[in-house]
Every structure is written in structure tokens, then in C-alpha cells.
Amino acid sequence: MAPGKIKVNIFGSEYSLIGDEDESSVREIAAIVDEKMREIDHSTHITSITKIAILAALNIAEELIQERQYRDRLLEQINEEARKMNYKISELLDE
């Protein structure tokens, strides 16, 4: 295999992927897509691989959005706590 080229199996098909990520990261990404496609295949009566792939992509995108929203909420909480701490420190230094 050429440098940077990694073979993965997703939903029964083999793909040669080229990327800057290390091999374990690429395999993990492919495994997530494969798992999501298999979940959809087992829980629906859809036979079109294209439709299964699109539903998998939509599910993964939804998970990504939820994770981003969670991260944003955490960052807001951290920033608020940092502001409170800075205010208290300023008050103590002014005494």
C-alpha cells in the first residue's frame, strides 16, 4: 500500500482512503460509519445502500451537532466560572 493509503471495509465494501490522519484514526472513523450503517440496516427495511449511507450520514451529523452544543454549553459554564473567580480575586486584591 502507498504511504498515506489505508484500506478499510465499510458495510461490506472495501475502500482505499488517503489522508493525513494516522491509520488508527482512519480505521476508527470507518468503523463508526460501518457501525451506523449496520444499525440502520438492522432496524429498518431499507434495501438501498445509498439510502442507508445517507441515513447514516444524517445520524452522524446529528450526533456531531449534539456534541458541539454540549461542548458550547460546557465552554459557557467554564467561562462564567472563570469570570466569577476573576471577580472574586479582584475583590480580594483590592482589599
C-alpha atoms as a PDB file:
ATOM      1  CA  MET A   1       0.000   0.000   0.000  1.00  0.00           C
ATOM      2  CA  ALA A   2       1.220   3.505  -0.800  1.00  0.00           C
ATOM      3  CA  PRO A   3       2.109   5.831   2.071  1.00  0.00           C
ATOM      4  CA  GLY A   4      -0.994   7.518   3.417  1.00  0.00           C
ATOM      5  CA  LYS A   5      -3.281   4.965   1.727  1.00  0.00           C
ATOM      6  CA  ILE A   6      -5.360   2.846   4.084  1.00  0.00           C
ATOM      7  CA  LYS A   7      -7.780   0.094   3.123  1.00  0.00           C
ATOM      8  CA  VAL A   8     -10.961  -0.088   5.172  1.00  0.00           C
ATOM      9  CA  ASN A   9     -14.160  -2.088   4.947  1.00  0.00           C
ATOM     10  CA  ILE A  10     -17.442  -0.241   5.312  1.00  0.00           C
ATOM     11  CA  PHE A  11     -20.718  -2.132   5.080  1.00  0.00           C
ATOM     12  CA  GLY A  12     -19.162  -4.951   3.065  1.00  0.00           C
ATOM     13  CA  SER A  13     -17.257  -2.784   0.593  1.00  0.00           C
ATOM     14  CA  GLU A  14     -13.545  -2.104   0.636  1.00  0.00           C
ATOM     15  CA  TYR A  15     -12.282   1.449   0.237  1.00  0.00           C
ATOM     16  CA  SER A  16      -8.754   2.769  -0.164  1.00  0.00           C
ATOM     17  CA  LEU A  17      -8.606   6.021   1.726  1.00  0.00           C
ATOM     18  CA  ILE A  18      -5.879   8.619   1.528  1.00  0.00           C
ATOM     19  CA  GLY A  19      -5.495  11.115   4.304  1.00  0.00           C
ATOM     20  CA  ASP A  20      -3.228  12.954   6.669  1.00  0.00           C
ATOM     21  CA  GLU A  21      -4.619  11.186   9.738  1.00  0.00           C
ATOM     22  CA  ASP A  22      -2.809   8.236  11.298  1.00  0.00           C
ATOM     23  CA  GLU A  23      -4.052   4.777  10.362  1.00  0.00           C
ATOM     24  CA  SER A  24      -5.783   4.079  13.672  1.00  0.00           C
ATOM     25  CA  SER A  25      -7.814   7.314  13.382  1.00  0.00           C
ATOM     26  CA  VAL A  26      -8.891   6.484   9.833  1.00  0.00           C
ATOM     27  CA  ARG A  27      -9.892   2.976  10.894  1.00  0.00           C
ATOM     28  CA  GLU A  28     -11.865   4.366  13.839  1.00  0.00           C
ATOM     29  CA  ILE A  29     -13.728   6.779  11.554  1.00  0.00           C
ATOM     30  CA  ALA A  30     -14.504   3.976   9.087  1.00  0.00           C
ATOM     31  CA  ALA A  31     -15.691   1.758  11.954  1.00  0.00           C
ATOM     32  CA  ILE A  32     -18.109   4.457  13.129  1.00  0.00           C
ATOM     33  CA  VAL A  33     -19.602   4.760   9.635  1.00  0.00           C
ATOM     34  CA  ASP A  34     -19.772   0.973   9.257  1.00  0.00           C
ATOM     35  CA  GLU A  35     -21.452   0.572  12.657  1.00  0.00           C
ATOM     36  CA  LYS A  36     -24.016   3.277  11.950  1.00  0.00           C
ATOM     37  CA  MET A  37     -24.879   1.767   8.548  1.00  0.00           C
ATOM     38  CA  ARG A  38     -25.304  -1.679  10.126  1.00  0.00           C
ATOM     39  CA  GLU A  39     -27.552  -0.232  12.861  1.00  0.00           C
ATOM     40  CA  ILE A  40     -29.793   1.337  10.222  1.00  0.00           C
ATOM     41  CA  ASP A  41     -29.760  -1.837   8.128  1.00  0.00           C
ATOM     42  CA  HIS A  42     -30.873  -3.935  11.111  1.00  0.00           C
ATOM     43  CA  SER A  43     -33.524  -1.506  12.339  1.00  0.00           C
ATOM     44  CA  THR A  44     -35.216  -0.665   9.020  1.00  0.00           C
ATOM     45  CA  HIS A  45     -36.460  -2.433   5.924  1.00  0.00           C
ATOM     46  CA  ILE A  46     -34.423  -0.209   3.615  1.00  0.00           C
ATOM     47  CA  THR A  47     -32.553  -2.158   0.947  1.00  0.00           C
ATOM     48  CA  SER A  48     -30.858   0.703  -0.880  1.00  0.00           C
ATOM     49  CA  ILE A  49     -27.248   1.040   0.232  1.00  0.00           C
ATOM     50  CA  THR A  50     -27.336   4.676  -0.861  1.00  0.00           C
ATOM     51  CA  LYS A  51     -30.309   5.406   1.388  1.00  0.00           C
ATOM     52  CA  ILE A  52     -28.671   3.552   4.277  1.00  0.00           C
ATOM     53  CA  ALA A  53     -25.500   5.606   3.762  1.00  0.00           C
ATOM     54  CA  ILE A  54     -27.459   8.872   3.681  1.00  0.00           C
ATOM     55  CA  LEU A  55     -29.358   7.971   6.851  1.00  0.00           C
ATOM     56  CA  ALA A  56     -26.062   7.029   8.499  1.00  0.00           C
ATOM     57  CA  ALA A  57     -24.562  10.378   7.473  1.00  0.00           C
ATOM     58  CA  LEU A  58     -27.605  12.215   8.851  1.00  0.00           C
ATOM     59  CA  ASN A  59     -27.398  10.303  12.142  1.00  0.00           C
ATOM     60  CA  ILE A  60     -23.672  11.006  12.473  1.00  0.00           C
ATOM     61  CA  ALA A  61     -24.248  14.692  11.656  1.00  0.00           C
ATOM     62  CA  GLU A  62     -26.962  14.856  14.324  1.00  0.00           C
ATOM     63  CA  GLU A  63     -24.564  13.335  16.876  1.00  0.00           C
ATOM     64  CA  LEU A  64     -21.905  15.863  15.844  1.00  0.00           C
ATOM     65  CA  ILE A  65     -24.312  18.773  16.319  1.00  0.00           C
ATOM     66  CA  GLN A  66     -25.339  17.456  19.745  1.00  0.00           C
ATOM     67  CA  GLU A  67     -21.688  17.119  20.772  1.00  0.00           C
ATOM     68  CA  ARG A  68     -20.937  20.650  19.573  1.00  0.00           C
ATOM     69  CA  GLN A  69     -23.910  22.025  21.518  1.00  0.00           C
ATOM     70  CA  TYR A  70     -22.742  20.151  24.623  1.00  0.00           C
ATOM     71  CA  ARG A  71     -19.201  21.492  24.172  1.00  0.00           C
ATOM     72  CA  ASP A  72     -20.528  25.034  23.744  1.00  0.00           C
ATOM     73  CA  ARG A  73     -22.596  24.740  26.924  1.00  0.00           C
ATOM     74  CA  LEU A  74     -19.551  23.479  28.828  1.00  0.00           C
ATOM     75  CA  LEU A  75     -17.419  26.331  27.492  1.00  0.00           C
ATOM     76  CA  GLU A  76     -20.074  28.843  28.561  1.00  0.00           C
ATOM     77  CA  GLN A  77     -20.099  27.329  32.053  1.00  0.00           C
ATOM     78  CA  ILE A  78     -16.298  27.382  32.247  1.00  0.00           C
ATOM     79  CA  ASN A  79     -16.174  30.996  31.077  1.00  0.00           C
ATOM     80  CA  GLU A  80     -18.841  32.015  33.585  1.00  0.00           C
ATOM     81  CA  GLU A  81     -16.970  30.309  36.429  1.00  0.00           C
ATOM     82  CA  ALA A  82     -13.712  31.961  35.292  1.00  0.00           C
ATOM     83  CA  ARG A  83     -15.413  35.389  35.301  1.00  0.00           C
ATOM     84  CA  LYS A  84     -16.720  34.770  38.831  1.00  0.00           C
ATOM     85  CA  MET A  85     -13.277  33.685  40.015  1.00  0.00           C
ATOM     86  CA  ASN A  86     -11.600  36.690  38.407  1.00  0.00           C
ATOM     87  CA  TYR A  87     -14.125  38.988  40.067  1.00  0.00           C
ATOM     88  CA  LYS A  88     -13.507  37.410  43.486  1.00  0.00           C
ATOM     89  CA  ILE A  89      -9.743  37.576  43.015  1.00  0.00           C
ATOM     90  CA  SER A  90     -10.006  41.247  42.027  1.00  0.00           C
ATOM     91  CA  GLU A  91     -12.118  41.958  45.100  1.00  0.00           C
ATOM     92  CA  LEU A  92      -9.580  40.233  47.354  1.00  0.00           C
ATOM     93  CA  LEU A  93      -6.655  42.080  45.785  1.00  0.00           C
ATOM     94  CA  ASP A  94      -8.433  45.426  46.202  1.00  0.00           C
ATOM     95  CA  GLU A  95      -8.889  44.861  49.961  1.00  0.00           C
END
